Amino acid sequence: MDQKTDQDDALLVSRLRSGDRQAFEQLVHRHSALVGGIAYQVIGDSEGAADVAQETFLKVHRRLETLEDPTRFRAWLCGIARTTAIDWLRKKSKDQSLDKLEAEGKEPVAPTPKEGSLEQEELYAKVLRVVNGLPKVYRETMLMKHLEKLTYAQIAKKLNVTEATVESRLYRAKLMLKDALAEFYE
């Protein structure tokens, strides 16, 4: 896009921040094909792309105050569209999800030795080593979710990240744990 288009977007953003609802409609009209195209490119499904486009514009409306440079609206919008599409795909691909593995009974299962047994202590020590060996962002998120029993929203607020980031970090941490504790799988 050219500089004039960026300036036009910046003007619409400014009007929207001042409460002009029509400015948002104009931004949606101007960029709906772009957002839909990005979503379709990532997802490959027109119905899903339409859902992603709608969700993208909702996020844009909710997070507009986080846009630091209104002349970069288009780039910011493209990033949100791409991330939203990837998140949508992730949610739809439950066959890769650990939640589905758990539902199918394929979640890591430790043997159930007697309380205080050497085998239980070894497992506990191994789990602690693995969790402590996770990169800080994953370890922190994992502990907040499973020890503090916080919701995704609470974790996101505490870490100043999006809920999608929390979900992604938990998913990756679980994969790392799964690999490290593979010997305990059934």
C-alpha atoms as a PDB file:
ATOM      1  CA  MET A   1       0.000   0.000   0.000  1.00  0.00           C
ATOM      2  CA  ASP A   2       1.072   3.562  -0.429  1.00  0.00           C
ATOM      3  CA  GLN A   3       1.721   6.288   2.096  1.00  0.00           C
ATOM      4  CA  LYS A   4      -1.621   8.007   1.352  1.00  0.00           C
ATOM      5  CA  THR A   5      -3.521   4.828   2.218  1.00  0.00           C
ATOM      6  CA  ASP A   6      -1.577   4.535   5.476  1.00  0.00           C
ATOM      7  CA  GLN A   7      -2.438   8.153   6.279  1.00  0.00           C
ATOM      8  CA  ASP A   8      -6.109   7.511   5.450  1.00  0.00           C
ATOM      9  CA  ASP A   9      -6.081   4.514   7.812  1.00  0.00           C
ATOM     10  CA  ALA A  10      -4.439   6.638  10.508  1.00  0.00           C
ATOM     11  CA  LEU A  11      -7.167   9.260  10.125  1.00  0.00           C
ATOM     12  CA  LEU A  12      -9.872   6.577  10.422  1.00  0.00           C
ATOM     13  CA  VAL A  13      -8.148   5.145  13.510  1.00  0.00           C
ATOM     14  CA  SER A  14      -8.063   8.606  15.055  1.00  0.00           C
ATOM     15  CA  ARG A  15     -11.767   9.131  14.305  1.00  0.00           C
ATOM     16  CA  LEU A  16     -12.586   5.702  15.736  1.00  0.00           C
ATOM     17  CA  ARG A  17     -10.658   6.449  18.922  1.00  0.00           C
ATOM     18  CA  SER A  18     -12.746   9.614  19.201  1.00  0.00           C
ATOM     19  CA  GLY A  19     -15.932   7.532  19.100  1.00  0.00           C
ATOM     20  CA  ASP A  20     -16.831   7.652  15.398  1.00  0.00           C
ATOM     21  CA  ARG A  21     -18.473   4.263  14.694  1.00  0.00           C
ATOM     22  CA  GLN A  22     -18.573   4.882  10.958  1.00  0.00           C
ATOM     23  CA  ALA A  23     -14.780   5.024  10.948  1.00  0.00           C
ATOM     24  CA  PHE A  24     -14.658   1.395  12.077  1.00  0.00           C
ATOM     25  CA  GLU A  25     -17.133   0.390   9.365  1.00  0.00           C
ATOM     26  CA  GLN A  26     -14.910   2.118   6.817  1.00  0.00           C
ATOM     27  CA  LEU A  27     -11.823   0.308   8.094  1.00  0.00           C
ATOM     28  CA  VAL A  28     -13.663  -3.017   7.889  1.00  0.00           C
ATOM     29  CA  HIS A  29     -14.885  -2.231   4.369  1.00  0.00           C
ATOM     30  CA  ARG A  30     -11.398  -1.176   3.236  1.00  0.00           C
ATOM     31  CA  HIS A  31      -9.600  -4.207   4.622  1.00  0.00           C
ATOM     32  CA  SER A  32     -12.123  -7.065   4.693  1.00  0.00           C
ATOM     33  CA  ALA A  33     -10.812  -8.583   1.444  1.00  0.00           C
ATOM     34  CA  LEU A  34      -7.236  -8.421   2.747  1.00  0.00           C
ATOM     35  CA  VAL A  35      -8.145 -10.047   6.071  1.00  0.00           C
ATOM     36  CA  GLY A  36     -10.293 -12.674   4.349  1.00  0.00           C
ATOM     37  CA  GLY A  37      -7.437 -13.425   1.961  1.00  0.00           C
ATOM     38  CA  ILE A  38      -4.926 -13.879   4.755  1.00  0.00           C
ATOM     39  CA  ALA A  39      -7.349 -16.123   6.641  1.00  0.00           C
ATOM     40  CA  TYR A  40      -8.063 -18.222   3.553  1.00  0.00           C
ATOM     41  CA  GLN A  41      -4.356 -18.538   2.771  1.00  0.00           C
ATOM     42  CA  VAL A  42      -3.692 -19.916   6.262  1.00  0.00           C
ATOM     43  CA  ILE A  43      -6.843 -22.029   6.638  1.00  0.00           C
ATOM     44  CA  GLY A  44      -7.754 -23.027   3.087  1.00  0.00           C
ATOM     45  CA  ASP A  45     -11.475 -23.007   3.906  1.00  0.00           C
ATOM     46  CA  SER A  46     -13.784 -20.132   2.922  1.00  0.00           C
ATOM     47  CA  GLU A  47     -16.269 -20.619   5.774  1.00  0.00           C
ATOM     48  CA  GLY A  48     -13.494 -20.774   8.341  1.00  0.00           C
ATOM     49  CA  ALA A  49     -11.840 -17.754   6.723  1.00  0.00           C
ATOM     50  CA  ALA A  50     -15.063 -15.775   7.112  1.00  0.00           C
ATOM     51  CA  ASP A  51     -15.206 -16.700  10.809  1.00  0.00           C
ATOM     52  CA  VAL A  52     -11.565 -15.714  11.249  1.00  0.00           C
ATOM     53  CA  ALA A  53     -12.127 -12.392   9.469  1.00  0.00           C
ATOM     54  CA  GLN A  54     -15.018 -11.579  11.783  1.00  0.00           C
ATOM     55  CA  GLU A  55     -13.016 -12.550  14.860  1.00  0.00           C
ATOM     56  CA  THR A  56     -10.067 -10.508  13.605  1.00  0.00           C
ATOM     57  CA  PHE A  57     -12.118  -7.339  13.343  1.00  0.00           C
ATOM     58  CA  LEU A  58     -13.576  -7.937  16.800  1.00  0.00           C
ATOM     59  CA  LYS A  59     -10.041  -8.194  18.179  1.00  0.00           C
ATOM     60  CA  VAL A  60      -9.028  -5.057  16.312  1.00  0.00           C
ATOM     61  CA  HIS A  61     -11.940  -3.142  17.803  1.00  0.00           C
ATOM     62  CA  ARG A  62     -11.166  -4.377  21.334  1.00  0.00           C
ATOM     63  CA  ARG A  63      -7.412  -3.788  21.101  1.00  0.00           C
ATOM     64  CA  LEU A  64      -7.285  -0.576  19.129  1.00  0.00           C
ATOM     65  CA  GLU A  65      -5.696   1.276  22.050  1.00  0.00           C
ATOM     66  CA  THR A  66      -2.662  -1.032  21.775  1.00  0.00           C
ATOM     67  CA  LEU A  67      -1.864   0.254  18.280  1.00  0.00           C
ATOM     68  CA  GLU A  68       1.012   2.648  18.888  1.00  0.00           C
ATOM     69  CA  ASP A  69       1.458   3.993  15.351  1.00  0.00           C
ATOM     70  CA  PRO A  70      -1.853   4.428  13.469  1.00  0.00           C
ATOM     71  CA  THR A  71       0.043   4.733  10.174  1.00  0.00           C
ATOM     72  CA  ARG A  72       1.003   1.062  10.684  1.00  0.00           C
ATOM     73  CA  PHE A  73      -2.648  -0.026  11.011  1.00  0.00           C
ATOM     74  CA  ARG A  74      -2.526  -2.271   7.958  1.00  0.00           C
ATOM     75  CA  ALA A  75       0.571  -4.185   9.134  1.00  0.00           C
ATOM     76  CA  TRP A  76      -0.917  -4.478  12.636  1.00  0.00           C
ATOM     77  CA  LEU A  77      -4.200  -5.754  11.181  1.00  0.00           C
ATOM     78  CA  CYS A  78      -2.379  -8.330   9.018  1.00  0.00           C
ATOM     79  CA  GLY A  79      -0.530  -9.633  12.076  1.00  0.00           C
ATOM     80  CA  ILE A  80      -3.767 -10.024  14.021  1.00  0.00           C
ATOM     81  CA  ALA A  81      -5.435 -11.753  11.058  1.00  0.00           C
ATOM     82  CA  ARG A  82      -2.550 -14.198  10.650  1.00  0.00           C
ATOM     83  CA  THR A  83      -2.395 -14.983  14.374  1.00  0.00           C
ATOM     84  CA  THR A  84      -6.166 -15.399  14.600  1.00  0.00           C
ATOM     85  CA  ALA A  85      -6.138 -17.789  11.641  1.00  0.00           C
ATOM     86  CA  ILE A  86      -3.327 -19.855  13.142  1.00  0.00           C
ATOM     87  CA  ASP A  87      -5.166 -19.967  16.482  1.00  0.00           C
ATOM     88  CA  TRP A  88      -8.334 -21.043  14.675  1.00  0.00           C
ATOM     89  CA  LEU A  89      -6.428 -23.846  12.954  1.00  0.00           C
ATOM     90  CA  ARG A  90      -4.898 -24.924  16.235  1.00  0.00           C
ATOM     91  CA  LYS A  91      -8.325 -25.145  17.865  1.00  0.00           C
ATOM     92  CA  LYS A  92      -9.716 -27.114  14.932  1.00  0.00           C
ATOM     93  CA  SER A  93      -6.882 -29.621  14.792  1.00  0.00           C
ATOM     94  CA  LYS A  94      -7.923 -31.505  17.892  1.00  0.00           C
ATOM     95  CA  ASP A  95      -6.269 -34.676  16.623  1.00  0.00           C
ATOM     96  CA  GLN A  96      -2.957 -33.035  17.540  1.00  0.00           C
ATOM     97  CA  SER A  97      -4.328 -31.711  20.784  1.00  0.00           C
ATOM     98  CA  LEU A  98      -3.241 -33.133  24.094  1.00  0.00           C
ATOM     99  CA  ASP A  99      -6.809 -32.694  25.266  1.00  0.00           C
ATOM    100  CA  LYS A 100      -7.881 -35.280  22.720  1.00  0.00           C
ATOM    101  CA  LEU A 101      -5.028 -37.565  23.705  1.00  0.00           C
ATOM    102  CA  GLU A 102      -6.210 -37.323  27.281  1.00  0.00           C
ATOM    103  CA  ALA A 103      -9.803 -38.084  26.256  1.00  0.00           C
ATOM    104  CA  GLU A 104      -8.548 -41.150  24.408  1.00  0.00           C
ATOM    105  CA  GLY A 105      -6.586 -42.229  27.457  1.00  0.00           C
ATOM    106  CA  LYS A 106      -3.200 -41.565  25.861  1.00  0.00           C
ATOM    107  CA  GLU A 107      -2.140 -38.833  28.263  1.00  0.00           C
ATOM    108  CA  PRO A 108       1.038 -39.595  30.211  1.00  0.00           C
ATOM    109  CA  VAL A 109       0.174 -41.942  33.010  1.00  0.00           C
ATOM    110  CA  ALA A 110       2.603 -42.611  35.802  1.00  0.00           C
ATOM    111  CA  PRO A 111       2.558 -46.011  37.388  1.00  0.00           C
ATOM    112  CA  THR A 112       0.674 -46.009  40.670  1.00  0.00           C
ATOM    113  CA  PRO A 113       3.208 -47.324  43.141  1.00  0.00           C
ATOM    114  CA  LYS A 114       2.579 -47.443  46.860  1.00  0.00           C
ATOM    115  CA  GLU A 115       2.754 -44.145  48.736  1.00  0.00           C
ATOM    116  CA  GLY A 116       6.354 -43.259  49.562  1.00  0.00           C
ATOM    117  CA  SER A 117       7.858 -45.975  47.383  1.00  0.00           C
ATOM    118  CA  LEU A 118      11.190 -45.504  45.660  1.00  0.00           C
ATOM    119  CA  GLU A 119       9.495 -45.666  42.235  1.00  0.00           C
ATOM    120  CA  GLN A 120       7.104 -42.843  43.163  1.00  0.00           C
ATOM    121  CA  GLU A 121       9.925 -40.717  44.527  1.00  0.00           C
ATOM    122  CA  GLU A 122      11.935 -41.244  41.332  1.00  0.00           C
ATOM    123  CA  LEU A 123       8.967 -40.227  39.209  1.00  0.00           C
ATOM    124  CA  TYR A 124       8.355 -37.149  41.353  1.00  0.00           C
ATOM    125  CA  ALA A 125      12.026 -36.162  41.108  1.00  0.00           C
ATOM    126  CA  LYS A 126      12.033 -36.686  37.332  1.00  0.00           C
ATOM    127  CA  VAL A 127       8.876 -34.582  36.857  1.00  0.00           C
ATOM    128  CA  LEU A 128      10.368 -31.805  38.979  1.00  0.00           C
ATOM    129  CA  ARG A 129      13.626 -31.886  36.978  1.00  0.00           C
ATOM    130  CA  VAL A 130      11.733 -31.771  33.687  1.00  0.00           C
ATOM    131  CA  VAL A 131       9.433 -28.934  34.797  1.00  0.00           C
ATOM    132  CA  ASN A 132      12.374 -26.963  36.218  1.00  0.00           C
ATOM    133  CA  GLY A 133      14.259 -27.553  32.970  1.00  0.00           C
ATOM    134  CA  LEU A 134      11.531 -25.978  30.835  1.00  0.00           C
ATOM    135  CA  PRO A 135      12.281 -22.532  29.421  1.00  0.00           C
ATOM    136  CA  LYS A 136      11.083 -19.876  31.868  1.00  0.00           C
ATOM    137  CA  VAL A 137       8.035 -18.722  29.854  1.00  0.00           C
ATOM    138  CA  TYR A 138       6.693 -22.272  29.606  1.00  0.00           C
ATOM    139  CA  ARG A 139       7.531 -23.234  33.184  1.00  0.00           C
ATOM    140  CA  GLU A 140       5.923 -20.069  34.541  1.00  0.00           C
ATOM    141  CA  THR A 141       2.747 -20.560  32.511  1.00  0.00           C
ATOM    142  CA  MET A 142       2.531 -24.258  33.371  1.00  0.00           C
ATOM    143  CA  LEU A 143       2.912 -23.618  37.099  1.00  0.00           C
ATOM    144  CA  MET A 144       0.293 -20.866  37.086  1.00  0.00           C
ATOM    145  CA  LYS A 145      -2.173 -23.151  35.354  1.00  0.00           C
ATOM    146  CA  HIS A 146      -1.584 -26.363  37.272  1.00  0.00           C
ATOM    147  CA  LEU A 147      -0.345 -25.259  40.690  1.00  0.00           C
ATOM    148  CA  GLU A 148      -2.114 -21.941  41.127  1.00  0.00           C
ATOM    149  CA  LYS A 149      -5.159 -23.190  39.168  1.00  0.00           C
ATOM    150  CA  LEU A 150      -5.479 -19.895  37.280  1.00  0.00           C
ATOM    151  CA  THR A 151      -7.650 -19.532  34.170  1.00  0.00           C
ATOM    152  CA  TYR A 152      -6.164 -18.612  30.803  1.00  0.00           C
ATOM    153  CA  ALA A 153      -7.540 -15.078  31.251  1.00  0.00           C
ATOM    154  CA  GLN A 154      -5.949 -14.714  34.694  1.00  0.00           C
ATOM    155  CA  ILE A 155      -2.596 -16.014  33.436  1.00  0.00           C
ATOM    156  CA  ALA A 156      -2.739 -13.720  30.393  1.00  0.00           C
ATOM    157  CA  LYS A 157      -3.409 -10.724  32.621  1.00  0.00           C
ATOM    158  CA  LYS A 158      -0.619 -11.652  35.043  1.00  0.00           C
ATOM    159  CA  LEU A 159       1.919 -12.164  32.248  1.00  0.00           C
ATOM    160  CA  ASN A 160       0.618  -9.301  30.105  1.00  0.00           C
ATOM    161  CA  VAL A 161       0.097 -11.564  27.075  1.00  0.00           C
ATOM    162  CA  THR A 162      -2.948 -12.743  25.120  1.00  0.00           C
ATOM    163  CA  GLU A 163      -4.979 -15.799  26.047  1.00  0.00           C
ATOM    164  CA  ALA A 164      -3.889 -17.330  22.741  1.00  0.00           C
ATOM    165  CA  THR A 165      -0.268 -16.962  23.855  1.00  0.00           C
ATOM    166  CA  VAL A 166      -1.108 -18.676  27.152  1.00  0.00           C
ATOM    167  CA  GLU A 167      -2.790 -21.513  25.276  1.00  0.00           C
ATOM    168  CA  SER A 168       0.173 -21.851  22.929  1.00  0.00           C
ATOM    169  CA  ARG A 169       2.702 -21.873  25.781  1.00  0.00           C
ATOM    170  CA  LEU A 170       0.752 -24.521  27.684  1.00  0.00           C
ATOM    171  CA  TYR A 171       0.466 -26.666  24.575  1.00  0.00           C
ATOM    172  CA  ARG A 172       4.205 -26.441  23.903  1.00  0.00           C
ATOM    173  CA  ALA A 173       5.068 -27.092  27.549  1.00  0.00           C
ATOM    174  CA  LYS A 174       2.878 -30.207  27.525  1.00  0.00           C
ATOM    175  CA  LEU A 175       4.618 -31.438  24.381  1.00  0.00           C
ATOM    176  CA  MET A 176       8.020 -30.922  26.018  1.00  0.00           C
ATOM    177  CA  LEU A 177       6.853 -32.758  29.138  1.00  0.00           C
ATOM    178  CA  LYS A 178       5.386 -35.545  27.032  1.00  0.00           C
ATOM    179  CA  ASP A 179       8.706 -36.069  25.241  1.00  0.00           C
ATOM    180  CA  ALA A 180      10.740 -35.935  28.432  1.00  0.00           C
ATOM    181  CA  LEU A 181       8.440 -38.333  30.299  1.00  0.00           C
ATOM    182  CA  ALA A 182       7.808 -40.744  27.400  1.00  0.00           C
ATOM    183  CA  GLU A 183       8.999 -43.726  29.450  1.00  0.00           C
ATOM    184  CA  PHE A 184       5.952 -43.357  31.695  1.00  0.00           C
ATOM    185  CA  TYR A 185       3.403 -43.557  28.858  1.00  0.00           C
ATOM    186  CA  GLU A 186       1.262 -46.608  28.483  1.00  0.00           C
END
